[in-house]
N, C-alpha and C. Protein backbone atom coordinates (compact mmCIF):
# COMPACT_ATOMS: atom_id res chain seq x y z
N UNK A 1 77.54 -66.83 170.22
CA UNK A 1 76.98 -66.62 168.97
C UNK A 1 77.29 -67.83 168.08
N UNK A 2 78.49 -68.31 168.17
CA UNK A 2 78.83 -69.46 167.28
C UNK A 2 77.93 -70.77 167.50
N UNK A 3 77.57 -70.85 168.73
CA UNK A 3 76.67 -72.00 169.25
C UNK A 3 75.32 -71.87 168.45
N UNK A 4 74.79 -70.69 168.23
CA UNK A 4 73.42 -70.37 167.58
C UNK A 4 73.72 -70.64 166.14
N UNK A 5 74.86 -70.19 165.60
CA UNK A 5 75.13 -70.43 164.20
C UNK A 5 75.29 -71.84 163.82
N UNK A 6 75.87 -72.68 164.71
CA UNK A 6 75.91 -74.18 164.58
C UNK A 6 74.57 -74.83 164.55
N UNK A 7 73.87 -74.43 165.55
CA UNK A 7 72.49 -74.92 165.63
C UNK A 7 71.60 -74.53 164.47
N UNK A 8 71.71 -73.42 163.85
CA UNK A 8 70.99 -73.00 162.79
C UNK A 8 71.32 -73.86 161.46
N UNK A 9 72.70 -73.80 161.26
CA UNK A 9 73.32 -74.71 160.19
C UNK A 9 72.89 -76.19 160.33
N UNK A 10 72.89 -76.61 161.38
CA UNK A 10 72.52 -78.02 161.56
C UNK A 10 71.05 -78.27 161.20
N UNK A 11 70.15 -77.56 161.76
CA UNK A 11 68.85 -77.52 161.37
C UNK A 11 68.56 -77.39 159.76
N UNK A 12 69.24 -76.32 159.23
CA UNK A 12 69.07 -76.16 157.79
C UNK A 12 69.59 -77.24 156.98
N UNK A 13 70.76 -77.98 157.40
CA UNK A 13 71.33 -79.11 156.79
C UNK A 13 70.32 -80.29 156.83
N UNK A 14 69.79 -80.37 158.08
CA UNK A 14 68.80 -81.62 158.26
C UNK A 14 67.56 -81.34 157.37
N UNK A 15 67.13 -80.20 157.21
CA UNK A 15 66.08 -79.95 156.39
C UNK A 15 66.36 -80.13 154.94
N UNK A 16 67.48 -79.61 154.56
CA UNK A 16 67.88 -79.64 153.07
C UNK A 16 68.18 -81.09 152.63
N UNK A 17 68.61 -81.94 153.60
CA UNK A 17 69.01 -83.24 153.15
C UNK A 17 67.79 -84.14 152.69
N UNK A 18 66.58 -83.55 153.06
CA UNK A 18 65.44 -84.26 152.57
C UNK A 18 65.12 -84.08 151.16
N UNK A 19 65.79 -83.12 150.51
CA UNK A 19 65.60 -82.67 149.07
C UNK A 19 66.86 -83.59 148.39
N UNK A 20 66.47 -84.23 147.39
CA UNK A 20 67.62 -85.02 146.72
C UNK A 20 68.57 -84.08 146.09
N UNK A 21 69.77 -84.36 146.26
CA UNK A 21 70.79 -83.52 145.57
C UNK A 21 71.10 -82.29 146.32
N UNK A 22 70.38 -81.93 147.25
CA UNK A 22 70.65 -80.59 147.85
C UNK A 22 71.31 -80.96 149.24
N UNK A 23 72.58 -80.57 149.35
CA UNK A 23 73.32 -80.82 150.60
C UNK A 23 73.25 -79.58 151.53
N UNK A 24 73.06 -78.41 151.13
CA UNK A 24 72.86 -77.25 151.93
C UNK A 24 72.15 -76.26 151.23
N UNK A 25 71.85 -75.10 151.87
CA UNK A 25 71.14 -73.92 151.44
C UNK A 25 71.80 -73.35 150.16
N UNK A 26 72.99 -73.14 150.18
CA UNK A 26 73.66 -72.62 149.08
C UNK A 26 73.62 -73.40 147.82
N UNK A 27 73.64 -74.78 148.06
CA UNK A 27 73.48 -75.82 147.01
C UNK A 27 72.03 -75.43 146.17
N UNK A 28 71.08 -75.28 146.93
CA UNK A 28 69.79 -74.94 146.43
C UNK A 28 69.82 -73.67 145.44
N UNK A 29 70.59 -72.67 145.97
CA UNK A 29 70.58 -71.61 145.16
C UNK A 29 71.44 -71.77 144.01
N UNK A 30 72.59 -72.41 144.03
CA UNK A 30 73.48 -72.63 142.94
C UNK A 30 72.79 -73.54 141.85
N UNK A 31 71.79 -74.32 142.18
CA UNK A 31 71.20 -75.17 141.30
C UNK A 31 69.99 -74.33 140.46
N UNK A 32 69.81 -73.24 140.95
CA UNK A 32 68.79 -72.38 140.46
C UNK A 32 69.24 -71.40 139.50
N UNK A 33 68.57 -71.07 138.39
CA UNK A 33 69.03 -70.08 137.34
C UNK A 33 68.48 -68.69 137.79
N UNK A 34 67.35 -68.65 138.38
CA UNK A 34 66.74 -67.35 138.74
C UNK A 34 66.02 -67.69 140.00
N UNK A 35 65.98 -66.75 141.07
CA UNK A 35 65.05 -66.78 142.11
C UNK A 35 63.98 -65.73 141.85
N UNK A 36 62.74 -66.17 141.94
CA UNK A 36 61.60 -65.22 141.71
C UNK A 36 60.76 -65.15 142.94
N UNK A 37 60.61 -64.02 143.48
CA UNK A 37 59.79 -64.04 144.74
C UNK A 37 58.55 -63.14 144.44
N UNK A 38 57.37 -63.82 144.72
CA UNK A 38 56.14 -63.29 144.39
C UNK A 38 55.49 -63.12 145.79
N UNK A 39 55.57 -61.94 146.39
CA UNK A 39 54.98 -61.83 147.70
C UNK A 39 54.00 -60.61 147.89
N UNK A 40 53.07 -60.89 148.71
CA UNK A 40 52.19 -59.73 149.20
C UNK A 40 52.73 -59.02 150.25
N UNK A 41 53.55 -59.64 151.00
CA UNK A 41 54.04 -58.94 152.25
C UNK A 41 55.44 -59.53 152.38
N UNK A 42 56.24 -58.89 153.16
CA UNK A 42 57.82 -59.20 153.03
C UNK A 42 58.26 -60.51 153.79
N UNK A 43 57.59 -60.72 154.92
CA UNK A 43 58.01 -61.98 155.63
C UNK A 43 59.46 -62.18 155.60
N UNK A 44 59.93 -63.39 155.23
CA UNK A 44 61.37 -63.62 155.17
C UNK A 44 62.03 -63.38 153.80
N UNK A 45 61.26 -62.79 152.86
CA UNK A 45 61.74 -62.53 151.55
C UNK A 45 63.00 -61.81 151.46
N UNK A 46 63.34 -60.91 152.23
CA UNK A 46 64.57 -60.07 152.23
C UNK A 46 65.80 -61.03 152.44
N UNK A 47 65.56 -61.89 153.43
CA UNK A 47 66.68 -62.84 153.75
C UNK A 47 67.03 -63.85 152.59
N UNK A 48 65.91 -64.32 152.05
CA UNK A 48 66.12 -65.30 150.94
C UNK A 48 66.62 -64.55 149.66
N UNK A 49 66.23 -63.20 149.63
CA UNK A 49 66.73 -62.44 148.43
C UNK A 49 68.20 -62.21 148.51
N UNK A 50 68.71 -61.91 149.74
CA UNK A 50 70.20 -61.68 149.95
C UNK A 50 70.98 -62.87 149.86
N UNK A 51 70.46 -64.09 150.43
CA UNK A 51 71.13 -65.36 150.22
C UNK A 51 71.28 -65.71 148.78
N UNK A 52 70.17 -65.58 147.98
CA UNK A 52 70.32 -65.92 146.59
C UNK A 52 71.39 -64.98 145.92
N UNK A 53 71.16 -63.79 146.22
CA UNK A 53 72.33 -62.76 145.57
C UNK A 53 73.78 -63.20 145.95
N UNK A 54 73.88 -63.55 147.21
CA UNK A 54 75.18 -63.80 147.73
C UNK A 54 75.61 -65.24 147.13
N UNK A 55 74.75 -66.05 146.51
CA UNK A 55 75.13 -67.21 145.99
C UNK A 55 75.34 -67.01 144.42
N UNK A 56 75.08 -65.88 143.95
CA UNK A 56 75.36 -65.57 142.52
C UNK A 56 74.10 -65.80 141.70
N UNK A 57 72.94 -65.82 142.21
CA UNK A 57 71.59 -66.13 141.59
C UNK A 57 70.84 -64.81 141.41
N UNK A 58 70.61 -64.43 140.14
CA UNK A 58 69.82 -63.32 139.83
C UNK A 58 68.45 -63.34 140.57
N UNK A 59 67.91 -62.41 141.11
CA UNK A 59 66.68 -62.14 141.74
C UNK A 59 65.72 -61.40 141.12
N UNK A 60 64.49 -61.75 140.98
CA UNK A 60 63.31 -61.00 140.57
C UNK A 60 62.29 -61.03 141.59
N UNK A 61 62.10 -59.87 142.30
CA UNK A 61 61.12 -59.87 143.34
C UNK A 61 60.10 -58.72 143.28
N UNK A 62 59.03 -58.84 144.24
CA UNK A 62 58.10 -57.98 144.16
C UNK A 62 58.55 -56.72 144.85
N UNK A 63 58.04 -55.51 144.55
CA UNK A 63 58.37 -54.24 145.15
C UNK A 63 57.64 -54.08 146.42
N UNK A 64 58.16 -54.67 147.38
CA UNK A 64 57.46 -54.58 148.69
C UNK A 64 58.46 -54.54 149.78
N UNK A 65 58.10 -54.03 150.91
CA UNK A 65 58.93 -53.89 152.09
C UNK A 65 60.30 -53.32 151.89
N UNK A 66 61.38 -53.89 152.35
CA UNK A 66 62.72 -53.36 152.10
C UNK A 66 63.37 -53.86 150.85
N UNK A 67 62.71 -54.67 149.92
CA UNK A 67 63.38 -55.15 148.90
C UNK A 67 63.81 -54.17 147.91
N UNK A 68 63.10 -52.96 147.61
CA UNK A 68 63.83 -51.96 146.69
C UNK A 68 65.17 -51.35 147.33
N UNK A 69 65.29 -51.61 148.57
CA UNK A 69 66.68 -51.05 149.25
C UNK A 69 67.76 -52.20 148.94
N UNK A 70 67.34 -53.44 148.77
CA UNK A 70 68.31 -54.46 148.51
C UNK A 70 68.55 -54.69 147.07
N UNK A 71 67.58 -54.57 146.19
CA UNK A 71 67.62 -54.64 144.75
C UNK A 71 67.57 -53.36 144.01
N UNK A 72 68.54 -53.03 143.28
CA UNK A 72 68.41 -51.86 142.36
C UNK A 72 67.90 -52.38 141.01
N UNK A 73 66.70 -52.07 140.70
CA UNK A 73 66.02 -52.58 139.64
C UNK A 73 66.67 -52.35 138.35
N UNK A 74 67.07 -53.55 137.60
CA UNK A 74 67.75 -53.46 136.34
C UNK A 74 69.20 -53.51 136.48
N UNK A 75 69.74 -53.36 137.66
CA UNK A 75 71.28 -53.40 137.96
C UNK A 75 71.59 -54.68 138.71
N UNK A 76 70.94 -54.89 139.96
CA UNK A 76 71.41 -56.09 140.78
C UNK A 76 70.33 -57.12 140.87
N UNK A 77 69.29 -56.80 140.15
CA UNK A 77 68.09 -57.77 140.19
C UNK A 77 66.93 -56.96 139.47
N UNK A 78 65.75 -57.53 139.49
CA UNK A 78 64.55 -56.98 138.98
C UNK A 78 63.49 -56.85 139.85
N UNK A 79 62.69 -55.66 140.00
CA UNK A 79 61.62 -55.65 140.86
C UNK A 79 60.19 -55.51 139.87
N UNK A 80 59.11 -55.96 140.42
CA UNK A 80 57.87 -55.77 139.74
C UNK A 80 56.98 -55.36 140.83
N UNK A 81 55.72 -54.76 140.25
CA UNK A 81 54.67 -54.40 141.28
C UNK A 81 53.99 -55.63 141.93
N UNK A 82 53.73 -55.56 143.21
CA UNK A 82 52.91 -56.63 143.79
C UNK A 82 51.60 -57.05 143.01
N UNK A 83 51.64 -58.47 142.83
CA UNK A 83 50.54 -58.84 142.10
C UNK A 83 50.56 -58.84 140.68
N UNK A 84 51.59 -58.27 139.98
CA UNK A 84 51.73 -58.21 138.56
C UNK A 84 52.56 -59.30 138.06
N UNK A 85 51.92 -60.49 137.96
CA UNK A 85 52.60 -61.54 137.56
C UNK A 85 53.03 -61.66 136.02
N UNK A 86 52.30 -60.84 135.30
CA UNK A 86 52.74 -60.71 133.87
C UNK A 86 54.21 -60.00 133.92
N UNK A 87 54.28 -58.90 134.62
CA UNK A 87 55.57 -58.22 134.61
C UNK A 87 56.81 -59.10 135.20
N UNK A 88 56.35 -59.82 136.24
CA UNK A 88 57.32 -60.89 136.74
C UNK A 88 57.80 -61.89 135.69
N UNK A 89 56.80 -62.34 135.07
CA UNK A 89 57.18 -63.36 134.04
C UNK A 89 57.96 -62.84 132.85
N UNK A 90 57.63 -61.61 132.55
CA UNK A 90 58.36 -60.88 131.38
C UNK A 90 59.86 -60.74 131.83
N UNK A 91 60.03 -60.26 132.98
CA UNK A 91 61.39 -60.06 133.49
C UNK A 91 62.10 -61.45 133.71
N UNK A 92 61.53 -62.45 134.09
CA UNK A 92 62.12 -63.65 134.24
C UNK A 92 62.42 -64.16 132.86
N UNK A 93 61.63 -64.08 131.82
CA UNK A 93 61.95 -64.52 130.47
C UNK A 93 63.04 -63.74 129.92
N UNK A 94 63.02 -62.42 130.13
CA UNK A 94 64.11 -61.49 129.58
C UNK A 94 65.41 -61.90 130.18
N UNK A 95 65.67 -62.18 131.33
CA UNK A 95 66.85 -62.50 132.05
C UNK A 95 67.41 -63.83 131.65
N UNK A 96 66.40 -64.74 131.40
CA UNK A 96 66.86 -66.02 131.04
C UNK A 96 67.31 -66.22 129.52
N UNK A 97 66.74 -65.21 128.63
CA UNK A 97 66.98 -65.28 127.14
C UNK A 97 68.32 -64.53 126.87
N UNK A 98 68.62 -63.53 127.88
CA UNK A 98 69.82 -62.68 127.55
C UNK A 98 70.97 -62.94 128.40
N UNK A 99 71.94 -63.76 127.94
CA UNK A 99 73.05 -64.23 128.76
C UNK A 99 73.87 -63.03 129.27
N UNK A 100 74.15 -62.00 128.58
CA UNK A 100 74.82 -60.91 128.92
C UNK A 100 74.12 -60.16 130.08
N UNK A 101 72.85 -60.10 129.96
CA UNK A 101 72.08 -59.29 131.10
C UNK A 101 72.16 -60.17 132.28
N UNK A 102 71.95 -61.58 132.09
CA UNK A 102 71.94 -62.51 133.18
C UNK A 102 73.27 -62.40 134.02
N UNK A 103 74.35 -62.37 133.23
CA UNK A 103 75.80 -62.34 133.90
C UNK A 103 75.91 -61.00 134.68
N UNK A 104 75.40 -59.90 133.89
CA UNK A 104 75.53 -58.60 134.54
C UNK A 104 74.86 -58.50 135.88
N UNK A 105 73.41 -58.99 135.91
CA UNK A 105 72.61 -58.97 137.14
C UNK A 105 73.24 -59.95 138.18
N UNK A 106 73.72 -60.99 137.81
CA UNK A 106 74.29 -61.95 138.84
C UNK A 106 75.58 -61.28 139.32
N UNK A 107 76.39 -60.73 138.68
CA UNK A 107 77.69 -60.16 139.06
C UNK A 107 77.37 -59.03 140.08
N UNK A 108 76.46 -58.12 139.68
CA UNK A 108 76.07 -56.97 140.38
C UNK A 108 75.42 -57.31 141.77
N UNK A 109 74.48 -58.35 141.75
CA UNK A 109 73.83 -58.76 142.91
C UNK A 109 74.77 -59.38 143.86
N UNK A 110 75.71 -60.18 143.40
CA UNK A 110 76.72 -60.90 144.16
C UNK A 110 77.67 -59.74 144.86
N UNK A 111 78.01 -58.82 144.08
CA UNK A 111 78.85 -57.68 144.46
C UNK A 111 78.06 -56.91 145.72
N UNK A 112 76.92 -56.58 145.48
CA UNK A 112 76.03 -55.87 146.50
C UNK A 112 75.85 -56.65 147.76
N UNK A 113 75.54 -58.07 147.48
CA UNK A 113 75.54 -58.89 148.72
C UNK A 113 76.73 -58.95 149.48
N UNK A 114 77.83 -59.10 148.90
CA UNK A 114 79.16 -59.09 149.62
C UNK A 114 79.53 -57.82 150.21
N UNK A 115 79.39 -56.70 149.54
CA UNK A 115 79.87 -55.46 149.99
C UNK A 115 78.73 -54.69 150.97
N UNK A 116 77.64 -54.82 150.72
CA UNK A 116 76.55 -53.99 151.32
C UNK A 116 75.85 -54.81 152.50
N UNK A 117 75.86 -56.16 152.30
CA UNK A 117 75.04 -56.85 153.27
C UNK A 117 75.81 -57.98 154.04
N UNK A 118 77.06 -58.05 154.02
CA UNK A 118 77.87 -58.96 154.61
C UNK A 118 77.63 -58.77 156.19
N UNK A 119 78.04 -59.92 156.92
CA UNK A 119 77.75 -59.86 158.28
C UNK A 119 78.66 -58.71 158.93
N UNK A 120 79.88 -58.58 158.49
CA UNK A 120 80.76 -57.45 158.94
C UNK A 120 80.21 -56.02 158.80
N UNK A 121 79.58 -55.89 157.49
CA UNK A 121 79.07 -54.59 157.27
C UNK A 121 77.85 -54.29 158.03
N UNK A 122 76.90 -55.31 158.32
CA UNK A 122 75.73 -55.11 159.02
C UNK A 122 76.16 -54.82 160.56
N UNK A 123 77.19 -55.50 161.13
CA UNK A 123 77.63 -55.28 162.41
C UNK A 123 78.24 -53.90 162.67
N UNK A 124 78.94 -53.40 161.49
CA UNK A 124 79.50 -52.10 161.66
C UNK A 124 78.44 -51.02 161.63
N UNK A 125 77.26 -51.35 160.89
CA UNK A 125 76.17 -50.44 160.71
C UNK A 125 75.45 -50.34 162.02
N UNK A 126 75.27 -51.45 162.79
CA UNK A 126 74.61 -51.42 164.04
C UNK A 126 75.53 -50.75 165.08
N UNK A 127 76.93 -50.91 164.99
CA UNK A 127 77.74 -50.33 165.97
C UNK A 127 77.78 -48.84 165.77
N UNK A 128 77.69 -48.27 164.58
CA UNK A 128 77.52 -46.93 164.29
C UNK A 128 76.15 -46.27 164.66
N UNK A 129 75.21 -47.14 164.58
CA UNK A 129 73.83 -46.70 164.92
C UNK A 129 73.64 -46.64 166.46
N UNK A 130 74.15 -47.77 167.11
CA UNK A 130 73.95 -47.85 168.61
C UNK A 130 75.13 -47.68 169.42
N UNK A 131 76.22 -47.42 168.79
CA UNK A 131 77.49 -47.45 169.62
C UNK A 131 77.75 -46.05 170.21
């Protein structure tokens, strides 16, 4: 498994080095104030959402797929209806204008990412499910 992790990290690092000032994926999230995901379908959105949360970046995402299980609307991030760009923009503006709200969402998202979605927690869940 370590070999696969190393290969994935190497590939990600090679890709990210193409972007000026971005040394790795976490760097990209740290340089962001907010991650906004406007998706019609889930694709890889859940992974990028959890990565952003784990990097302390507040997330605003469409209410699709498993994202409502990852983000508690108004506490650990914001959700909006698919296709409702006005709602997405309003939530983005709201979080960027309100420092206290921004800090609260950032801290709660980070807490959830580390407690609920860490590799150890996910492995434990699989072991309970299939063990």
